[in-house]
Amino acid sequence: MEKPAICGGTPVRAIPLSYGRQYIDSQDIQAVSDTLRSDYLTCGPRVTQLEEKLCAITGAQYCVAVSNGTAALHIAALAAGIGPGDEVITTPITFAASANCALYCGAKPVFADINPETYNIDPASIRACVTPRTKAVVAVDFTGQAVELDEIRAICREHHLTLIEDAAHSIGTRYRGQPVGSLADMTTFSFHPVKTVTAGEGGAVTTNDRALYDRLVLLHAHGITRDRSQMAHPTDNPWYNEQVTYGYNYRLTEIQAALLISQLDKLDLFARRRREIVARYDAAFSRIPQLQVQREIPESETTRHLYILRLRREMLRCTRREFFDALGAEGIHSQVHYMPVYWHSHYENLGYARGLCPEAERYYEEVMSLPLYYSLTDQDVNDVIHIVEKLVAYYQK
């Protein structure tokens, strides 16, 4: 039996692979360079062009580009009218921002459990969490797979809740043939470098509701407007603007917008490659009884952001940490997505206790993320598969 490198064997990879990374080409660099030579570095035409492009891609009527995905969630929660005394249901298996957006507004995050096969929020658990104080659901398309939108939208309609789809992972995904971004009351995006497309940082909110859009526009730019119809004291003075509500400086720069416009031109190319890699991984790992492959719902045509390797620990004579370290010794730098949000010490200090979501907690103890990004070569993918097979063979009971 071939020894893992951590046990004295020879590493398969001389050059390590990370779990995710951006892909920047000459067109991206040229787009940024042209912007740096232009008249506008912020508040210019490229942000408008980006918003129009995101509307075209998602099918949404309106889009507001913002500085990052967390800002997108914050203003979406504010636009939904979430405030003190309200409750917001979300998943614990997500980046903390999906829950923090409720805290920003003075509301209480309520955690629904996940489906143990898809890893997305379980609609039945959402329904069980609804109370008279529930104001909204933040449903996260974890790993890029769309949540079960039919069921979740039905729950939201029944209880008059705002549905915010956190699509930080799912740009390019379709649900029943319709692109993510046009299917919820509001949809938020993140364009961090490990996502399918990147602006360096950056985010956006899309919606089909004009009233929500108008609030989002105000909220992302200090609450200041030049629209006379929104002013208390309109004038004809061309310089005049008025702060009509409390807002934030969550604007995206022209530089970031230029990069993201160029990246979005490659979205279909990026999505195809990610699907190819996921199909290769699934075909290899679904044959190994010691591993569990994430199940895809048939309604979701997924552009996957993360590839989750789940260990059946009862069939292996190693801990998750030992397997994680062995991957690293072979040149595969994995990551864990995510610890349940309410396990963070800040949430413990707010009174959240372990045991709230048993499926989410079990999931967390068994998973790690494998490399998944556009520039992975076929040989890179073969190496990842070989290393995982090698480690399973060594550690199997």
Protein backbone atom coordinates (compact mmCIF):
# COMPACT_ATOMS: atom_id res chain seq x y z
CA MET A 1 0.00 0.00 0.00
CA GLU A 2 1.34 3.42 -1.01
CA LYS A 3 2.20 5.50 2.05
CA PRO A 4 0.91 9.07 2.32
CA ALA A 5 3.66 11.71 2.30
CA ILE A 6 2.78 12.57 5.90
CA CYS A 7 3.75 8.98 6.80
CA GLY A 8 7.03 9.03 4.93
CA GLY A 9 5.85 8.49 1.36
CA THR A 10 6.64 10.66 -1.65
CA PRO A 11 4.24 13.58 -2.29
CA VAL A 12 2.29 13.36 -5.54
CA ARG A 13 2.40 17.15 -6.10
CA ALA A 14 5.59 19.17 -6.20
CA ILE A 15 3.62 22.38 -6.79
CA PRO A 16 0.69 22.65 -4.35
CA LEU A 17 -2.90 23.32 -5.40
CA SER A 18 -5.16 25.63 -3.39
CA TYR A 19 -8.90 25.03 -3.01
CA GLY A 20 -9.74 28.10 -5.12
CA ARG A 21 -8.17 30.99 -7.00
CA GLN A 22 -8.97 33.70 -9.53
CA TYR A 23 -8.18 33.60 -13.24
CA ILE A 24 -7.03 36.91 -14.73
CA ASP A 25 -6.16 37.27 -18.41
CA SER A 26 -4.85 40.04 -20.65
CA GLN A 27 -8.37 41.32 -21.40
CA ASP A 28 -9.01 41.79 -17.67
CA ILE A 29 -5.73 43.65 -17.24
CA GLN A 30 -6.48 45.84 -20.26
CA ALA A 31 -9.94 46.69 -18.92
CA VAL A 32 -8.47 47.84 -15.61
CA SER A 33 -5.65 49.72 -17.33
CA ASP A 34 -8.09 51.56 -19.60
CA THR A 35 -10.15 52.58 -16.59
CA LEU A 36 -7.11 53.92 -14.76
CA ARG A 37 -6.45 56.14 -17.78
CA SER A 38 -10.08 57.31 -17.96
CA ASP A 39 -11.76 60.32 -16.38
CA TYR A 40 -13.58 58.26 -13.74
CA LEU A 41 -12.27 56.00 -10.99
CA THR A 42 -15.61 55.99 -9.12
CA CYS A 43 -19.23 57.05 -9.78
CA GLY A 44 -18.77 56.67 -13.54
CA PRO A 45 -20.24 54.85 -16.53
CA ARG A 46 -18.66 51.44 -15.95
CA VAL A 47 -20.70 50.75 -12.82
CA THR A 48 -23.88 51.45 -14.79
CA GLN A 49 -22.63 49.20 -17.59
CA LEU A 50 -21.93 46.46 -15.05
CA GLU A 51 -25.41 46.73 -13.52
CA GLU A 52 -26.96 46.45 -16.97
CA LYS A 53 -24.80 43.41 -17.75
CA LEU A 54 -25.79 41.69 -14.50
CA CYS A 55 -29.45 42.32 -15.31
CA ALA A 56 -28.96 40.75 -18.73
CA ILE A 57 -27.23 37.70 -17.24
CA THR A 58 -29.66 37.14 -14.37
CA GLY A 59 -32.91 38.23 -16.00
CA ALA A 60 -33.54 40.70 -13.18
CA GLN A 61 -35.09 44.09 -13.94
CA TYR A 62 -32.89 46.04 -11.53
CA CYS A 63 -29.38 45.78 -10.10
CA VAL A 64 -27.34 47.77 -7.60
CA ALA A 65 -23.58 47.09 -7.60
CA VAL A 66 -21.92 47.41 -4.19
CA SER A 67 -18.52 47.14 -2.56
CA ASN A 68 -18.78 43.50 -1.43
CA GLY A 69 -21.19 40.65 -0.77
CA THR A 70 -21.62 41.60 2.88
CA ALA A 71 -22.73 45.10 1.89
CA ALA A 72 -25.20 43.49 -0.52
CA LEU A 73 -26.73 41.43 2.28
CA HIS A 74 -26.85 44.42 4.63
CA ILE A 75 -28.75 46.72 2.29
CA ALA A 76 -31.04 43.88 1.18
CA ALA A 77 -31.98 43.29 4.82
CA LEU A 78 -32.54 47.02 5.34
CA ALA A 79 -34.60 47.31 2.15
CA ALA A 80 -36.76 44.42 3.42
CA GLY A 81 -37.56 46.51 6.49
CA ILE A 82 -35.82 44.15 8.92
CA GLY A 83 -35.35 45.76 12.32
CA PRO A 84 -35.25 45.26 16.10
CA GLY A 85 -37.54 42.50 17.31
CA ASP A 86 -37.65 40.74 13.94
CA GLU A 87 -36.34 37.25 13.20
CA VAL A 88 -34.52 36.18 10.04
CA ILE A 89 -34.20 32.49 9.17
CA THR A 90 -31.01 31.31 7.51
CA THR A 91 -28.66 28.34 7.32
CA PRO A 92 -25.75 27.76 9.72
CA ILE A 93 -23.60 26.33 6.91
CA THR A 94 -22.55 29.59 5.31
CA PHE A 95 -20.16 32.46 5.73
CA ALA A 96 -21.13 34.48 8.80
CA ALA A 97 -22.34 37.45 6.73
CA SER A 98 -25.54 35.58 5.80
CA ALA A 99 -26.58 35.73 9.45
CA ASN A 100 -24.75 38.91 10.44
CA CYS A 101 -26.96 40.97 8.12
CA ALA A 102 -29.82 40.36 10.56
CA LEU A 103 -27.67 41.46 13.50
CA TYR A 104 -26.70 44.63 11.65
CA CYS A 105 -30.39 45.56 11.60
CA GLY A 106 -30.99 44.69 15.26
CA ALA A 107 -32.85 41.50 14.36
CA LYS A 108 -32.29 37.92 15.52
CA PRO A 109 -30.85 35.24 13.22
CA VAL A 110 -32.70 31.92 13.50
CA PHE A 111 -30.89 28.87 12.15
CA ALA A 112 -32.72 26.20 10.17
CA ASP A 113 -31.01 22.85 9.63
CA ILE A 114 -29.62 21.56 6.33
CA ASN A 115 -30.53 18.69 4.07
CA PRO A 116 -27.82 16.07 4.82
CA GLU A 117 -27.45 15.17 1.13
CA THR A 118 -27.59 18.53 -0.68
CA TYR A 119 -26.10 20.58 2.22
CA ASN A 120 -28.55 23.40 1.45
CA ILE A 121 -31.10 24.75 3.91
CA ASP A 122 -33.99 22.31 4.47
CA PRO A 123 -37.41 23.82 3.62
CA ALA A 124 -39.07 21.66 6.30
CA SER A 125 -36.70 23.12 8.89
CA ILE A 126 -37.47 26.64 7.66
CA ARG A 127 -41.17 26.01 8.15
CA ALA A 128 -40.55 24.73 11.68
CA CYS A 129 -38.62 27.92 12.52
CA VAL A 130 -41.31 30.40 11.45
CA THR A 131 -42.82 32.47 14.29
CA PRO A 132 -44.96 35.62 14.37
CA ARG A 133 -41.69 37.59 14.53
CA THR A 134 -40.20 36.12 11.37
CA LYS A 135 -39.65 38.84 8.76
CA ALA A 136 -37.44 37.21 6.12
CA VAL A 137 -35.56 34.15 4.94
CA VAL A 138 -31.95 34.39 3.76
CA ALA A 139 -31.58 31.21 1.68
CA VAL A 140 -27.98 30.47 0.69
CA ASP A 141 -27.14 28.66 -2.57
CA PHE A 142 -24.36 26.77 -0.84
CA THR A 143 -21.52 25.62 -3.13
CA GLY A 144 -23.45 27.15 -6.06
CA GLN A 145 -26.40 24.76 -6.03
CA ALA A 146 -29.72 26.59 -6.00
CA VAL A 147 -31.86 26.09 -2.92
CA GLU A 148 -35.26 24.43 -3.25
CA LEU A 149 -36.86 27.64 -4.39
CA ASP A 150 -40.35 26.32 -5.11
CA GLU A 151 -40.84 25.15 -1.53
CA ILE A 152 -39.11 28.13 0.04
CA ARG A 153 -41.05 30.68 -2.01
CA ALA A 154 -44.28 28.94 -1.01
CA ILE A 155 -43.38 29.21 2.68
CA CYS A 156 -42.52 32.90 2.24
CA ARG A 157 -45.80 33.63 0.44
CA GLU A 158 -47.81 31.78 3.08
CA HIS A 159 -46.25 33.76 5.92
CA HIS A 160 -45.71 37.08 4.09
CA LEU A 161 -41.91 36.87 4.38
CA THR A 162 -39.28 38.53 2.21
CA LEU A 163 -37.06 36.01 0.44
CA ILE A 164 -33.43 37.07 0.08
CA GLU A 165 -31.46 34.56 -1.97
CA ASP A 166 -27.78 34.67 -1.01
CA ALA A 167 -26.20 33.78 -4.35
CA ALA A 168 -22.61 34.54 -3.32
CA HIS A 169 -21.70 31.07 -4.64
CA SER A 170 -24.11 30.72 -7.55
CA ILE A 171 -23.54 33.25 -10.34
CA GLY A 172 -24.24 31.28 -13.54
CA THR A 173 -26.55 28.74 -11.88
CA ARG A 174 -30.07 28.16 -13.22
CA TYR A 175 -33.16 26.90 -11.40
CA ARG A 176 -35.74 25.24 -13.65
CA GLY A 177 -34.00 26.92 -16.57
CA GLN A 178 -34.18 30.42 -15.08
CA PRO A 179 -30.97 32.17 -14.00
CA VAL A 180 -30.35 32.79 -10.33
CA GLY A 181 -30.80 36.49 -9.67
CA SER A 182 -34.39 36.87 -10.86
CA LEU A 183 -36.15 34.29 -8.68
CA ALA A 184 -36.34 35.82 -5.19
CA ASP A 185 -37.53 39.17 -3.85
CA MET A 186 -33.86 40.14 -3.75
CA THR A 187 -30.73 38.22 -4.69
CA THR A 188 -27.26 39.09 -3.42
CA PHE A 189 -23.94 38.29 -5.07
CA SER A 190 -20.28 38.32 -4.06
CA PHE A 191 -17.32 38.74 -6.40
CA HIS A 192 -14.46 37.78 -4.09
CA PRO A 193 -11.40 36.29 -5.88
CA VAL A 194 -12.27 32.64 -5.16
CA LYS A 195 -15.74 33.02 -6.69
CA THR A 196 -16.47 32.06 -10.31
CA VAL A 197 -15.98 35.67 -11.44
CA THR A 198 -14.24 38.40 -9.47
CA ALA A 199 -13.98 42.15 -9.08
CA GLY A 200 -11.23 41.74 -6.45
CA GLU A 201 -13.97 42.50 -3.97
CA GLY A 202 -17.46 43.55 -4.95
CA GLY A 203 -21.08 42.54 -4.76
CA ALA A 204 -24.53 43.27 -6.13
CA VAL A 205 -28.23 43.06 -5.31
CA THR A 206 -30.77 42.23 -8.01
CA THR A 207 -34.54 42.55 -7.80
CA ASN A 208 -37.67 42.83 -9.95
CA ASP A 209 -39.35 45.19 -7.47
CA ARG A 210 -38.98 48.90 -8.28
CA ALA A 211 -39.73 50.02 -4.72
CA LEU A 212 -37.02 47.72 -3.33
CA TYR A 213 -34.62 48.94 -6.01
CA ASP A 214 -35.20 52.58 -5.10
CA ARG A 215 -34.45 51.80 -1.45
CA LEU A 216 -31.31 49.85 -2.37
CA VAL A 217 -30.00 52.75 -4.45
CA LEU A 218 -30.39 55.13 -1.53
CA LEU A 219 -28.97 52.74 1.04
CA HIS A 220 -25.75 52.02 -0.87
CA ALA A 221 -24.90 55.72 -1.38
CA HIS A 222 -25.32 57.54 1.94
CA GLY A 223 -29.09 57.90 1.57
CA ILE A 224 -28.39 60.89 -0.69
CA THR A 225 -30.37 61.52 -3.87
CA ARG A 226 -30.61 63.96 -6.78
CA ASP A 227 -34.08 62.67 -7.61
CA ARG A 228 -36.43 65.58 -6.87
CA SER A 229 -39.38 63.25 -6.42
CA GLN A 230 -37.69 61.79 -3.34
CA MET A 231 -36.71 65.12 -1.77
CA ALA A 232 -38.44 67.00 1.03
CA HIS A 233 -37.17 70.34 -0.30
CA PRO A 234 -36.54 70.07 -4.05
CA THR A 235 -34.94 72.97 -5.90
CA ASP A 236 -33.81 73.79 -9.44
CA ASN A 237 -30.20 74.24 -8.36
CA PRO A 238 -28.02 71.86 -10.42
CA TRP A 239 -25.64 71.19 -7.54
CA TYR A 240 -28.36 70.32 -5.03
CA ASN A 241 -28.68 66.87 -3.48
CA GLU A 242 -30.44 65.79 -0.33
CA GLN A 243 -29.95 63.06 2.25
CA VAL A 244 -33.42 61.61 2.66
CA THR A 245 -32.59 58.53 4.75
CA TYR A 246 -29.75 56.88 6.62
CA GLY A 247 -27.36 55.18 4.23
CA TYR A 248 -23.83 53.87 3.74
CA ASN A 249 -20.88 54.25 1.41
CA TYR A 250 -21.16 50.84 -0.23
CA ARG A 251 -20.35 51.99 -3.76
CA LEU A 252 -18.27 49.91 -6.18
CA THR A 253 -15.36 51.62 -7.94
CA GLU A 254 -15.02 51.98 -11.70
CA ILE A 255 -11.84 49.90 -11.50
CA GLN A 256 -13.66 46.96 -9.93
CA ALA A 257 -16.58 47.33 -12.32
CA ALA A 258 -14.25 47.21 -15.33
CA LEU A 259 -12.60 44.03 -14.08
CA LEU A 260 -15.95 42.35 -13.39
CA ILE A 261 -17.41 43.32 -16.78
CA SER A 262 -14.43 41.61 -18.41
CA GLN A 263 -14.76 38.59 -16.13
CA LEU A 264 -18.47 38.23 -16.90
CA ASP A 265 -17.60 37.91 -20.59
CA LYS A 266 -15.96 34.61 -19.57
CA LEU A 267 -18.74 33.39 -17.25
CA ASP A 268 -19.96 30.66 -19.62
CA LEU A 269 -16.39 29.46 -20.17
CA PHE A 270 -15.69 29.39 -16.43
CA ALA A 271 -18.99 27.63 -15.71
CA ARG A 272 -18.38 24.89 -18.28
CA ARG A 273 -14.93 24.11 -16.90
CA ARG A 274 -16.17 24.00 -13.33
CA ARG A 275 -18.92 21.57 -14.36
CA GLU A 276 -16.40 19.38 -16.16
CA ILE A 277 -14.21 19.18 -13.05
CA VAL A 278 -17.17 18.45 -10.77
CA ALA A 279 -18.31 15.66 -13.10
CA ARG A 280 -14.81 14.12 -13.01
CA TYR A 281 -14.65 14.31 -9.23
CA ASP A 282 -18.18 12.90 -8.81
CA ALA A 283 -17.50 9.99 -11.16
CA ALA A 284 -14.35 9.05 -9.22
CA PHE A 285 -15.53 9.63 -5.66
CA SER A 286 -19.02 8.17 -5.99
CA ARG A 287 -17.36 4.77 -6.47
CA ILE A 288 -15.61 5.02 -3.10
CA PRO A 289 -17.86 3.91 -0.21
CA GLN A 290 -15.79 5.85 2.35
CA LEU A 291 -16.79 9.14 0.68
CA GLN A 292 -20.08 10.95 0.21
CA VAL A 293 -20.70 13.06 -2.90
CA GLN A 294 -22.96 16.10 -2.65
CA ARG A 295 -26.37 15.40 -4.19
CA GLU A 296 -27.68 17.81 -6.81
CA ILE A 297 -31.40 18.51 -7.07
CA PRO A 298 -32.65 18.09 -10.66
CA GLU A 299 -34.04 21.63 -10.73
CA SER A 300 -30.57 23.18 -10.34
CA GLU A 301 -28.21 23.48 -13.30
CA THR A 302 -25.31 24.35 -11.05
CA THR A 303 -22.18 26.38 -11.57
CA ARG A 304 -20.29 25.03 -8.58
CA HIS A 305 -18.17 27.38 -6.48
CA LEU A 306 -16.96 24.74 -4.01
CA TYR A 307 -16.37 21.01 -4.23
CA ILE A 308 -17.09 19.35 -0.89
CA LEU A 309 -15.40 16.07 0.01
CA ARG A 310 -17.32 14.37 2.82
CA LEU A 311 -15.74 11.54 4.79
CA ARG A 312 -17.70 8.62 6.19
CA ARG A 313 -15.67 8.64 9.37
CA GLU A 314 -17.02 5.32 10.61
CA MET A 315 -15.30 3.67 7.61
CA LEU A 316 -11.90 5.32 8.08
CA ARG A 317 -9.22 4.94 10.76
CA CYS A 318 -8.32 8.62 10.79
CA THR A 319 -9.82 11.86 11.95
CA ARG A 320 -10.89 14.62 9.57
CA ARG A 321 -7.85 16.62 10.72
CA GLU A 322 -5.51 13.74 9.90
CA PHE A 323 -7.02 13.40 6.42
CA PHE A 324 -6.83 17.19 5.95
CA ASP A 325 -3.15 17.25 6.97
CA ALA A 326 -2.38 14.27 4.74
CA LEU A 327 -3.92 16.09 1.77
CA GLY A 328 -1.72 19.09 2.54
CA ALA A 329 1.40 16.93 2.73
CA GLU A 330 0.57 15.62 -0.76
CA GLY A 331 0.25 19.18 -2.11
CA ILE A 332 -3.52 19.64 -1.89
CA HIS A 333 -4.34 22.66 0.25
CA SER A 334 -7.98 22.16 1.15
CA GLN A 335 -10.29 24.25 3.33
CA VAL A 336 -13.41 23.68 5.43
CA HIS A 337 -16.68 25.38 4.46
CA TYR A 338 -18.16 26.08 6.98
CA MET A 339 -18.24 25.82 10.73
CA PRO A 340 -21.86 26.37 11.83
CA VAL A 341 -22.24 30.11 12.25
CA TYR A 342 -23.64 29.80 15.77
CA TRP A 343 -20.47 27.96 16.90
CA HIS A 344 -18.52 31.22 16.56
CA SER A 345 -17.74 32.73 19.95
CA HIS A 346 -19.62 35.92 19.12
CA TYR A 347 -22.80 33.90 18.66
CA GLU A 348 -22.08 31.91 21.81
CA ASN A 349 -21.92 35.23 23.63
CA LEU A 350 -25.33 36.07 22.18
CA GLY A 351 -26.77 32.92 23.76
CA TYR A 352 -26.68 30.42 20.89
CA ALA A 353 -25.84 26.88 22.02
CA ARG A 354 -24.50 23.86 20.19
CA GLY A 355 -27.04 21.26 19.22
CA LEU A 356 -29.41 23.62 17.37
CA CYS A 357 -28.94 21.97 13.96
CA PRO A 358 -27.75 18.36 14.25
CA GLU A 359 -27.36 17.75 10.51
CA ALA A 360 -25.28 20.90 10.07
CA GLU A 361 -23.05 19.99 13.00
CA ARG A 362 -22.53 16.46 11.71
CA TYR A 363 -21.75 17.84 8.26
CA TYR A 364 -19.12 20.20 9.65
CA GLU A 365 -17.22 17.41 11.38
CA GLU A 366 -16.83 15.42 8.15
CA VAL A 367 -16.03 17.79 5.27
CA MET A 368 -13.32 19.69 3.45
CA SER A 369 -13.20 21.54 0.12
CA LEU A 370 -11.07 20.27 -2.76
CA PRO A 371 -9.51 22.43 -5.51
CA LEU A 372 -12.08 23.79 -7.95
CA TYR A 373 -11.30 26.65 -10.31
CA TYR A 374 -11.08 27.38 -14.02
CA SER A 375 -7.32 27.08 -14.49
CA LEU A 376 -7.02 23.55 -13.06
CA THR A 377 -5.55 21.34 -15.78
CA ASP A 378 -6.70 17.80 -16.49
CA GLN A 379 -3.47 16.60 -14.86
CA ASP A 380 -4.22 18.69 -11.77
CA VAL A 381 -7.64 17.06 -11.53
CA ASN A 382 -6.10 13.60 -12.03
CA ASP A 383 -3.64 14.35 -9.23
CA VAL A 384 -6.41 15.37 -6.83
CA ILE A 385 -8.36 12.21 -7.59
CA HIS A 386 -5.27 10.02 -7.24
CA ILE A 387 -4.30 11.60 -3.92
CA VAL A 388 -7.78 11.19 -2.44
CA GLU A 389 -7.91 7.56 -3.61
CA LYS A 390 -4.43 6.96 -2.16
CA LEU A 391 -5.40 8.37 1.24
CA VAL A 392 -8.69 6.48 1.40
CA ALA A 393 -6.89 3.23 0.54
CA TYR A 394 -4.37 3.87 3.31
CA TYR A 395 -6.84 4.91 6.00
CA GLN A 396 -9.76 2.60 5.25
CA LYS A 397 -10.78 0.19 7.98
